């Protein structure tokens, strides 16, 4: 189970995680194949990338022009660069913890919002 309080709250809102396969990416790193599947659904690696990660500024990435290849490698190297949670429901992907994203995921599950 995730130790991230935001992810825990979202899981609770989404049927307590019932019907989901949960992967704690701290313990079980995402694979290149999983990341490729996420990118196909999200449209780009950049859409999956979190600029809120503490290492983003610490590594000086805010001062660089990053490419899709850069985003891909950064996410694979450091799990904190993946915007979380990532939720697959049917053929849809929901990335991040914004209220809008969580509401859309609830709607896709048929949970009253």
N, C-alpha and C. Protein backbone atom coordinates (compact mmCIF):
# COMPACT_ATOMS: atom_id res chain seq x y z
N UNK A 1 0.85 -1.18 0.00
CA UNK A 1 0.00 0.00 0.00
C UNK A 1 0.89 1.24 0.00
N UNK A 2 0.47 2.24 -0.70
CA UNK A 2 1.20 3.49 -0.81
C UNK A 2 1.31 4.18 0.54
N UNK A 3 2.44 4.82 0.77
CA UNK A 3 2.60 5.62 1.98
C UNK A 3 2.22 7.07 1.74
N UNK A 4 1.96 7.42 0.51
CA UNK A 4 1.58 8.78 0.15
C UNK A 4 0.14 9.04 0.63
N UNK A 5 -0.02 10.02 1.49
CA UNK A 5 -1.36 10.29 2.05
C UNK A 5 -2.34 10.73 0.97
N UNK A 6 -1.88 11.45 -0.02
CA UNK A 6 -2.77 11.88 -1.11
C UNK A 6 -3.25 10.67 -1.90
N UNK A 7 -2.33 9.76 -2.23
CA UNK A 7 -2.73 8.55 -2.96
C UNK A 7 -3.68 7.70 -2.12
N UNK A 8 -3.42 7.60 -0.82
CA UNK A 8 -4.30 6.83 0.06
C UNK A 8 -5.71 7.42 0.07
N UNK A 9 -5.80 8.74 0.12
CA UNK A 9 -7.11 9.41 0.12
C UNK A 9 -7.85 9.13 -1.19
N UNK A 10 -7.14 9.20 -2.30
CA UNK A 10 -7.77 8.97 -3.60
C UNK A 10 -8.22 7.52 -3.73
N UNK A 11 -7.40 6.59 -3.28
CA UNK A 11 -7.78 5.17 -3.31
C UNK A 11 -9.04 4.96 -2.51
N UNK A 12 -9.12 5.59 -1.35
CA UNK A 12 -10.31 5.47 -0.50
C UNK A 12 -11.54 6.01 -1.24
N UNK A 13 -11.39 7.14 -1.92
CA UNK A 13 -12.49 7.74 -2.67
C UNK A 13 -12.94 6.86 -3.84
N UNK A 14 -12.02 6.06 -4.35
CA UNK A 14 -12.30 5.21 -5.51
C UNK A 14 -12.57 3.78 -5.06
N UNK A 15 -13.60 3.61 -4.26
CA UNK A 15 -14.04 2.27 -3.84
C UNK A 15 -13.04 1.56 -2.94
N UNK A 16 -12.24 2.31 -2.19
CA UNK A 16 -11.21 1.70 -1.33
C UNK A 16 -10.25 0.81 -2.11
N UNK A 17 -10.12 1.08 -3.39
CA UNK A 17 -9.20 0.29 -4.21
C UNK A 17 -9.76 -1.04 -4.67
N UNK A 18 -11.02 -1.32 -4.34
CA UNK A 18 -11.63 -2.59 -4.76
C UNK A 18 -11.72 -2.62 -6.29
N UNK A 19 -11.29 -3.75 -6.86
CA UNK A 19 -11.31 -3.88 -8.30
C UNK A 19 -10.07 -3.31 -8.98
N UNK A 20 -9.14 -2.81 -8.19
CA UNK A 20 -7.91 -2.25 -8.74
C UNK A 20 -6.73 -3.17 -8.47
N UNK A 21 -5.76 -3.12 -9.33
CA UNK A 21 -4.46 -3.74 -9.06
C UNK A 21 -3.57 -2.57 -8.65
N UNK A 22 -3.12 -2.57 -7.42
CA UNK A 22 -2.30 -1.47 -6.92
C UNK A 22 -0.83 -1.84 -7.02
N UNK A 23 -0.02 -0.87 -7.43
CA UNK A 23 1.42 -1.09 -7.53
C UNK A 23 2.10 0.06 -6.82
N UNK A 24 2.80 -0.25 -5.74
CA UNK A 24 3.57 0.76 -5.02
C UNK A 24 4.91 0.90 -5.75
N UNK A 25 5.06 1.97 -6.51
CA UNK A 25 6.25 2.10 -7.36
C UNK A 25 7.52 2.38 -6.57
N UNK A 26 7.40 2.63 -5.27
CA UNK A 26 8.60 2.70 -4.43
C UNK A 26 9.19 1.30 -4.28
N UNK A 27 8.32 0.32 -4.13
CA UNK A 27 8.74 -1.07 -3.90
C UNK A 27 8.92 -1.84 -5.20
N UNK A 28 8.05 -1.59 -6.16
CA UNK A 28 8.07 -2.31 -7.44
C UNK A 28 8.14 -1.27 -8.55
N UNK A 29 9.36 -1.02 -9.01
CA UNK A 29 9.57 0.02 -10.03
C UNK A 29 8.72 -0.24 -11.26
N UNK A 30 8.33 0.86 -11.91
CA UNK A 30 7.61 0.70 -13.17
C UNK A 30 8.60 0.24 -14.23
N UNK A 31 8.12 -0.55 -15.13
CA UNK A 31 8.97 -1.08 -16.19
C UNK A 31 8.87 -0.17 -17.42
N UNK A 32 9.85 -0.27 -18.31
CA UNK A 32 9.75 0.50 -19.55
C UNK A 32 8.46 0.18 -20.31
N UNK A 33 8.02 -1.08 -20.29
CA UNK A 33 6.79 -1.46 -20.99
C UNK A 33 5.57 -0.79 -20.34
N UNK A 34 5.53 -0.74 -19.01
CA UNK A 34 4.42 -0.07 -18.33
C UNK A 34 4.41 1.42 -18.66
N UNK A 35 5.59 2.02 -18.65
CA UNK A 35 5.67 3.45 -18.95
C UNK A 35 5.24 3.73 -20.38
N UNK A 36 5.61 2.85 -21.30
CA UNK A 36 5.21 3.01 -22.70
C UNK A 36 3.69 2.94 -22.84
N UNK A 37 3.06 2.01 -22.11
CA UNK A 37 1.61 1.89 -22.14
C UNK A 37 0.95 3.17 -21.60
N UNK A 38 1.51 3.71 -20.52
CA UNK A 38 0.98 4.96 -19.95
C UNK A 38 1.12 6.09 -20.95
N UNK A 39 2.27 6.17 -21.61
CA UNK A 39 2.53 7.23 -22.59
C UNK A 39 1.55 7.13 -23.76
N UNK A 40 1.28 5.92 -24.22
CA UNK A 40 0.33 5.73 -25.32
C UNK A 40 -1.05 6.27 -24.96
N UNK A 41 -1.48 6.03 -23.72
CA UNK A 41 -2.79 6.48 -23.26
C UNK A 41 -2.81 7.98 -22.96
N UNK A 42 -1.71 8.49 -22.38
CA UNK A 42 -1.66 9.89 -21.96
C UNK A 42 -1.25 10.83 -23.10
N UNK A 43 -0.61 10.29 -24.13
CA UNK A 43 -0.22 11.12 -25.27
C UNK A 43 1.23 11.54 -25.29
N UNK A 44 1.87 11.57 -24.13
CA UNK A 44 3.28 11.96 -24.09
C UNK A 44 3.87 11.58 -22.73
N UNK A 45 5.20 11.53 -22.69
CA UNK A 45 5.86 11.31 -21.40
C UNK A 45 5.72 12.57 -20.54
N UNK A 46 5.73 13.72 -21.19
CA UNK A 46 5.59 14.97 -20.45
C UNK A 46 4.28 15.01 -19.66
N UNK A 47 3.21 14.46 -20.21
CA UNK A 47 1.91 14.44 -19.53
C UNK A 47 1.96 13.59 -18.26
N UNK A 48 2.93 12.70 -18.16
CA UNK A 48 3.09 11.84 -17.00
C UNK A 48 4.10 12.38 -15.99
N UNK A 49 4.79 13.44 -16.37
CA UNK A 49 5.91 13.97 -15.59
C UNK A 49 5.45 14.96 -14.53
N UNK A 50 5.98 14.82 -13.32
CA UNK A 50 5.64 15.74 -12.24
C UNK A 50 6.75 16.77 -12.03
N UNK A 51 6.39 18.02 -12.24
CA UNK A 51 7.33 19.11 -11.96
C UNK A 51 7.30 19.49 -10.48
N UNK A 52 6.41 18.86 -9.72
CA UNK A 52 6.33 19.11 -8.28
C UNK A 52 7.33 18.29 -7.49
N UNK A 53 7.95 17.31 -8.13
CA UNK A 53 8.93 16.47 -7.45
C UNK A 53 10.06 17.35 -6.90
N UNK A 54 10.47 17.06 -5.68
CA UNK A 54 11.51 17.87 -5.04
C UNK A 54 12.80 17.88 -5.86
N UNK A 55 13.10 16.77 -6.51
CA UNK A 55 14.34 16.68 -7.28
C UNK A 55 14.31 17.52 -8.56
N UNK A 56 13.12 17.94 -8.98
CA UNK A 56 13.01 18.73 -10.21
C UNK A 56 13.86 19.99 -10.13
N UNK A 57 13.70 20.73 -9.07
CA UNK A 57 14.51 21.95 -8.88
C UNK A 57 15.92 21.61 -8.40
N UNK A 58 16.00 20.63 -7.50
CA UNK A 58 17.31 20.26 -6.94
C UNK A 58 18.30 19.86 -8.04
N UNK A 59 17.80 19.21 -9.08
CA UNK A 59 18.64 18.77 -10.20
C UNK A 59 18.79 19.86 -11.27
N UNK A 60 18.16 21.01 -11.04
CA UNK A 60 18.25 22.11 -12.01
C UNK A 60 17.45 21.87 -13.28
N UNK A 61 16.50 20.95 -13.22
CA UNK A 61 15.74 20.62 -14.42
C UNK A 61 14.82 21.76 -14.86
N UNK A 62 14.43 22.62 -13.92
CA UNK A 62 13.57 23.75 -14.26
C UNK A 62 14.27 24.75 -15.17
N UNK A 63 15.59 24.64 -15.27
CA UNK A 63 16.37 25.55 -16.11
C UNK A 63 16.71 24.93 -17.46
N UNK A 64 16.27 23.69 -17.70
CA UNK A 64 16.62 23.00 -18.93
C UNK A 64 15.39 22.80 -19.81
N UNK A 65 15.63 22.67 -21.09
CA UNK A 65 14.57 22.32 -22.05
C UNK A 65 14.61 20.81 -22.19
N UNK A 66 13.61 20.15 -21.59
CA UNK A 66 13.58 18.70 -21.59
C UNK A 66 12.85 18.16 -22.82
N UNK A 67 13.34 17.04 -23.32
CA UNK A 67 12.72 16.38 -24.47
C UNK A 67 11.89 15.20 -23.96
N UNK A 68 11.10 14.60 -24.84
CA UNK A 68 10.33 13.40 -24.48
C UNK A 68 11.27 12.30 -24.00
N UNK A 69 12.42 12.18 -24.65
CA UNK A 69 13.41 11.17 -24.24
C UNK A 69 13.88 11.45 -22.81
N UNK A 70 14.10 12.72 -22.48
CA UNK A 70 14.51 13.11 -21.13
C UNK A 70 13.44 12.74 -20.11
N UNK A 71 12.18 13.11 -20.41
CA UNK A 71 11.07 12.81 -19.49
C UNK A 71 11.00 11.30 -19.24
N UNK A 72 11.10 10.52 -20.30
CA UNK A 72 11.02 9.06 -20.18
C UNK A 72 12.11 8.55 -19.23
N UNK A 73 13.34 8.96 -19.49
CA UNK A 73 14.46 8.46 -18.70
C UNK A 73 14.38 8.92 -17.24
N UNK A 74 13.98 10.16 -17.03
CA UNK A 74 13.85 10.67 -15.66
C UNK A 74 12.81 9.88 -14.87
N UNK A 75 11.67 9.58 -15.50
CA UNK A 75 10.63 8.81 -14.82
C UNK A 75 11.13 7.40 -14.50
N UNK A 76 11.83 6.79 -15.42
CA UNK A 76 12.35 5.44 -15.18
C UNK A 76 13.43 5.43 -14.10
N UNK A 77 14.24 6.49 -14.05
CA UNK A 77 15.33 6.57 -13.07
C UNK A 77 14.85 6.92 -11.68
N UNK A 78 13.81 7.73 -11.58
CA UNK A 78 13.38 8.25 -10.28
C UNK A 78 11.86 8.28 -10.21
N UNK A 79 11.27 7.40 -9.41
CA UNK A 79 9.81 7.25 -9.36
C UNK A 79 9.10 8.55 -9.00
N UNK A 80 9.75 9.46 -8.29
CA UNK A 80 9.06 10.69 -7.88
C UNK A 80 8.72 11.59 -9.06
N UNK A 81 9.32 11.34 -10.21
CA UNK A 81 9.01 12.15 -11.39
C UNK A 81 7.72 11.70 -12.09
N UNK A 82 7.16 10.59 -11.68
CA UNK A 82 5.88 10.16 -12.25
C UNK A 82 4.77 10.85 -11.49
N UNK A 83 3.93 11.58 -12.20
CA UNK A 83 2.78 12.22 -11.58
C UNK A 83 1.85 11.12 -11.09
N UNK A 84 1.51 11.15 -9.81
CA UNK A 84 0.74 10.06 -9.22
C UNK A 84 -0.54 10.57 -8.62
N UNK A 85 -1.51 9.67 -8.51
CA UNK A 85 -1.52 8.30 -9.01
C UNK A 85 -1.81 8.26 -10.50
N UNK A 86 -1.52 7.11 -11.10
CA UNK A 86 -1.90 6.82 -12.48
C UNK A 86 -2.94 5.71 -12.38
N UNK A 87 -4.11 5.97 -12.96
CA UNK A 87 -5.23 5.03 -12.84
C UNK A 87 -5.73 4.68 -14.24
N UNK A 88 -5.81 3.39 -14.51
CA UNK A 88 -6.40 2.90 -15.75
C UNK A 88 -7.80 2.40 -15.42
N UNK A 89 -8.79 2.89 -16.14
CA UNK A 89 -10.17 2.41 -16.01
C UNK A 89 -10.67 2.17 -17.43
N UNK A 90 -10.93 0.91 -17.74
CA UNK A 90 -11.31 0.60 -19.10
C UNK A 90 -10.18 1.02 -20.03
N UNK A 91 -10.49 1.74 -21.06
CA UNK A 91 -9.47 2.21 -21.99
C UNK A 91 -8.96 3.60 -21.68
N UNK A 92 -9.31 4.13 -20.51
CA UNK A 92 -8.93 5.50 -20.16
C UNK A 92 -7.80 5.52 -19.14
N UNK A 93 -7.06 6.63 -19.12
CA UNK A 93 -6.02 6.84 -18.13
C UNK A 93 -6.32 8.14 -17.39
N UNK A 94 -6.07 8.13 -16.09
CA UNK A 94 -6.25 9.30 -15.25
C UNK A 94 -4.92 9.51 -14.53
N UNK A 95 -4.32 10.69 -14.73
CA UNK A 95 -2.98 10.95 -14.21
C UNK A 95 -3.01 12.13 -13.26
N UNK A 96 -2.50 11.92 -12.06
CA UNK A 96 -2.36 13.01 -11.10
C UNK A 96 -3.46 13.05 -10.08
N UNK A 97 -3.36 14.02 -9.20
CA UNK A 97 -4.27 14.07 -8.06
C UNK A 97 -5.16 15.31 -8.02
N UNK A 98 -5.30 15.98 -9.16
CA UNK A 98 -6.16 17.16 -9.17
C UNK A 98 -7.61 16.74 -8.93
N UNK A 99 -8.38 17.63 -8.39
CA UNK A 99 -9.79 17.35 -8.12
C UNK A 99 -10.51 16.94 -9.41
N UNK A 100 -10.19 17.62 -10.50
CA UNK A 100 -10.81 17.33 -11.79
C UNK A 100 -10.50 15.89 -12.23
N UNK A 101 -9.26 15.45 -12.06
CA UNK A 101 -8.86 14.10 -12.44
C UNK A 101 -9.56 13.05 -11.59
N UNK A 102 -9.60 13.29 -10.27
CA UNK A 102 -10.25 12.34 -9.36
C UNK A 102 -11.75 12.26 -9.66
N UNK A 103 -12.38 13.40 -9.93
CA UNK A 103 -13.80 13.43 -10.27
C UNK A 103 -14.06 12.64 -11.56
N UNK A 104 -13.19 12.79 -12.55
CA UNK A 104 -13.34 12.07 -13.81
C UNK A 104 -13.18 10.56 -13.59
N UNK A 105 -12.24 10.17 -12.74
CA UNK A 105 -12.04 8.75 -12.44
C UNK A 105 -13.27 8.18 -11.72
N UNK A 106 -13.82 8.94 -10.79
CA UNK A 106 -15.04 8.51 -10.08
C UNK A 106 -16.18 8.32 -11.07
N UNK A 107 -16.31 9.25 -11.98
CA UNK A 107 -17.36 9.18 -12.99
C UNK A 107 -17.20 7.93 -13.86
N UNK A 108 -15.96 7.64 -14.25
CA UNK A 108 -15.68 6.46 -15.06
C UNK A 108 -16.03 5.17 -14.32
N UNK A 109 -15.93 5.22 -13.00
CA UNK A 109 -16.28 4.04 -12.18
C UNK A 109 -17.75 4.00 -11.82
N UNK A 110 -18.45 5.09 -12.13
CA UNK A 110 -19.88 5.15 -11.78
C UNK A 110 -20.11 5.45 -10.32
N UNK A 111 -19.13 6.10 -9.70
CA UNK A 111 -19.26 6.49 -8.30
C UNK A 111 -19.85 7.89 -8.25
N UNK A 112 -20.89 8.09 -7.45
CA UNK A 112 -21.49 9.41 -7.32
C UNK A 112 -20.47 10.43 -6.86
N UNK A 113 -20.50 11.59 -7.48
CA UNK A 113 -19.55 12.64 -7.10
C UNK A 113 -20.23 13.83 -6.52
